[in-house]
Amino acid sequence: MADTAYERYKLDEELQKEKEPGKIKTVNEIQESFLEALEAIGEPKKPVKYLRPLNPFNKDDNSLSRIILGGNPILKMYVDKKLSEKHGEPIDSIKFSEEAESEKDYISILDEIRKGVDSGGYDLAMGLKETLFTGLDYTFDTDFLNKIWWTDGRP
């Protein structure tokens, strides 16, 4: 083992001379490099998250509170206001409770339902908007849909 930087440099130069690119390798060298790469992989990763059964009385699981806050906008605004006053910065209560559980090994059924309802509500509103005004735009050539709801990418 080299102790100084110069000795490491000399050792690296010798290793580079031994292993020129394009040189035909023996089966033993290939096996050794394969085993080195296999050992470098290390420990296996954590198992994939699993769908945990519904248990709303588990104190460590905040998915019931998130679905209640998602279904009641007035309660969510109140909780957001109180959390913002407590921490001194604007806080979204649903994201705040999700960040606290970022290391869990399971996927909550209630969280999946809440996410589905949120994305479904958005898709329903966009589909209804396009259904109502596409006929007007086509008939009268008004481009009303882009002027009102900025579907061309503007915020």
Protein backbone atom coordinates (compact mmCIF):
# COMPACT_ATOMS: atom_id res chain seq x y z
CA MET A 1 0.00 0.00 0.00
CA ALA A 2 1.36 3.36 -1.01
CA ASP A 3 1.77 5.92 1.75
CA THR A 4 2.51 9.10 -0.17
CA ALA A 5 0.86 10.69 -3.16
CA TYR A 6 3.95 10.13 -5.31
CA GLU A 7 4.00 6.39 -4.51
CA ARG A 8 0.29 6.14 -5.39
CA TYR A 9 1.00 7.94 -8.67
CA LYS A 10 3.80 5.51 -9.53
CA LEU A 11 1.58 2.53 -8.64
CA ASP A 12 -1.21 3.88 -10.85
CA GLU A 13 1.22 4.31 -13.75
CA GLU A 14 2.37 0.69 -13.41
CA LEU A 15 -1.21 -0.55 -13.36
CA GLN A 16 -2.02 1.47 -16.48
CA LYS A 17 0.96 -0.04 -18.31
CA GLU A 18 -0.17 -3.57 -17.38
CA LYS A 19 -3.73 -3.08 -18.61
CA GLU A 20 -3.61 -1.44 -22.00
CA PRO A 21 -6.97 -0.92 -23.70
CA GLY A 22 -7.73 -3.36 -26.50
CA LYS A 23 -5.38 -5.98 -25.11
CA ILE A 24 -6.79 -9.52 -25.14
CA LYS A 25 -7.63 -10.58 -21.61
CA THR A 26 -7.55 -14.08 -20.23
CA VAL A 27 -10.59 -15.78 -18.75
CA ASN A 28 -9.15 -15.38 -15.25
CA GLU A 29 -8.80 -11.60 -15.68
CA ILE A 30 -12.39 -11.36 -16.89
CA GLN A 31 -13.60 -13.44 -13.94
CA GLU A 32 -11.64 -11.29 -11.50
CA SER A 33 -13.02 -8.03 -12.93
CA PHE A 34 -16.53 -9.47 -12.85
CA LEU A 35 -16.13 -10.49 -9.19
CA GLU A 36 -14.74 -7.03 -8.31
CA ALA A 37 -17.76 -5.38 -9.93
CA LEU A 38 -20.10 -7.79 -8.16
CA GLU A 39 -18.53 -7.04 -4.79
CA ALA A 40 -18.74 -3.30 -5.44
CA ILE A 41 -22.53 -3.52 -5.72
CA GLY A 42 -22.83 -3.90 -1.96
CA GLU A 43 -25.87 -4.64 0.13
CA PRO A 44 -29.29 -5.03 -1.47
CA LYS A 45 -31.72 -2.15 -1.26
CA LYS A 46 -34.76 -2.04 1.00
CA PRO A 47 -37.73 -4.04 -0.21
CA VAL A 48 -40.37 -2.36 -2.34
CA LYS A 49 -43.10 -0.55 -0.44
CA TYR A 50 -46.20 -2.61 0.20
CA LEU A 51 -49.87 -1.63 0.39
CA ARG A 52 -50.68 -1.52 4.11
CA PRO A 53 -54.20 -2.47 5.21
CA LEU A 54 -56.45 0.25 6.58
CA ASN A 55 -55.97 0.91 10.30
CA PRO A 56 -57.06 4.47 11.15
CA PHE A 57 -56.24 3.98 14.85
CA ASN A 58 -52.50 3.66 14.26
CA LYS A 59 -50.92 6.73 15.90
CA ASP A 60 -47.92 6.73 13.55
CA ASP A 61 -50.10 6.94 10.41
CA ASN A 62 -51.37 10.41 9.40
CA SER A 63 -53.18 9.28 6.24
CA LEU A 64 -56.64 9.63 7.86
CA SER A 65 -55.92 13.24 8.78
CA ARG A 66 -54.71 13.94 5.23
CA ILE A 67 -57.88 12.54 3.66
CA ILE A 68 -60.04 14.56 6.09
CA LEU A 69 -58.09 17.75 5.31
CA GLY A 70 -58.32 17.02 1.59
CA GLY A 71 -62.10 16.66 1.80
CA ASN A 72 -62.76 19.72 3.96
CA PRO A 73 -61.18 22.89 2.50
CA ILE A 74 -62.26 25.15 5.38
CA LEU A 75 -60.63 22.86 7.95
CA LYS A 76 -57.49 22.68 5.78
CA MET A 77 -57.28 26.48 5.57
CA TYR A 78 -57.66 26.72 9.36
CA VAL A 79 -54.95 24.11 10.03
CA ASP A 80 -52.67 25.76 7.44
CA LYS A 81 -53.15 29.11 9.14
CA LYS A 82 -52.37 27.73 12.62
CA LEU A 83 -49.30 25.83 11.40
CA SER A 84 -48.07 28.92 9.56
CA GLU A 85 -48.46 31.03 12.71
CA LYS A 86 -46.62 28.41 14.77
CA HIS A 87 -43.66 28.03 12.38
CA GLY A 88 -43.55 31.61 11.10
CA GLU A 89 -43.73 30.66 7.40
CA PRO A 90 -46.48 29.49 5.03
CA ILE A 91 -47.05 25.74 5.45
CA ASP A 92 -49.30 23.32 3.56
CA SER A 93 -50.68 20.91 6.17
CA ILE A 94 -50.94 17.93 3.83
CA LYS A 95 -47.34 18.25 2.58
CA PHE A 96 -46.21 18.91 6.16
CA SER A 97 -47.69 15.59 7.37
CA GLU A 98 -46.31 13.72 4.32
CA GLU A 99 -42.78 14.95 5.00
CA ALA A 100 -42.95 13.60 8.54
CA GLU A 101 -43.64 10.10 7.18
CA SER A 102 -41.13 10.08 4.32
CA GLU A 103 -39.24 7.04 5.70
CA LYS A 104 -42.20 4.65 5.95
CA ASP A 105 -42.01 1.25 4.24
CA TYR A 106 -45.64 1.05 3.18
CA ILE A 107 -48.17 2.83 0.99
CA SER A 108 -51.38 3.83 2.74
CA ILE A 109 -54.71 3.03 1.07
CA LEU A 110 -56.17 6.35 2.22
CA ASP A 111 -53.29 8.30 0.66
CA GLU A 112 -53.84 6.53 -2.66
CA ILE A 113 -57.57 7.34 -2.54
CA ARG A 114 -56.84 11.00 -1.74
CA LYS A 115 -54.33 11.31 -4.59
CA GLY A 116 -56.78 9.67 -7.00
CA VAL A 117 -59.62 12.01 -6.02
CA ASP A 118 -57.35 15.07 -6.36
CA SER A 119 -56.06 14.11 -9.80
CA GLY A 120 -59.52 12.96 -10.92
CA GLY A 121 -61.08 16.28 -9.89
CA TYR A 122 -58.49 18.19 -11.88
CA ASP A 123 -58.94 15.95 -14.94
CA LEU A 124 -62.73 16.31 -14.70
CA ALA A 125 -62.53 20.10 -14.59
CA MET A 126 -60.14 20.27 -17.55
CA GLY A 127 -62.23 17.81 -19.58
CA LEU A 128 -65.46 19.67 -18.83
CA LYS A 129 -63.85 22.98 -19.79
CA GLU A 130 -62.64 21.61 -23.10
CA THR A 131 -65.96 19.92 -23.83
CA LEU A 132 -67.97 23.09 -23.22
CA PHE A 133 -65.85 25.53 -25.19
CA THR A 134 -64.30 23.49 -28.00
CA GLY A 135 -67.56 23.59 -29.96
CA LEU A 136 -67.74 27.38 -29.59
CA ASP A 137 -64.15 27.78 -30.72
CA TYR A 138 -64.70 25.56 -33.73
CA THR A 139 -68.01 27.11 -34.76
CA PHE A 140 -67.16 30.78 -34.35
CA ASP A 141 -63.36 30.61 -34.67
CA THR A 142 -62.92 32.61 -31.43
CA ASP A 143 -60.02 30.89 -29.63
CA PHE A 144 -62.04 31.52 -26.45
CA LEU A 145 -60.54 28.53 -24.62
CA ASN A 146 -56.98 29.88 -24.81
CA LYS A 147 -57.98 33.44 -23.96
CA ILE A 148 -59.89 32.54 -20.79
CA TRP A 149 -57.99 29.59 -19.28
CA TRP A 150 -54.50 30.02 -20.73
CA THR A 151 -54.13 26.48 -21.98
CA ASP A 152 -51.15 27.57 -24.08
CA GLY A 153 -48.79 27.22 -21.11
CA ARG A 154 -49.10 30.61 -19.42
CA PRO A 155 -49.71 30.59 -15.62
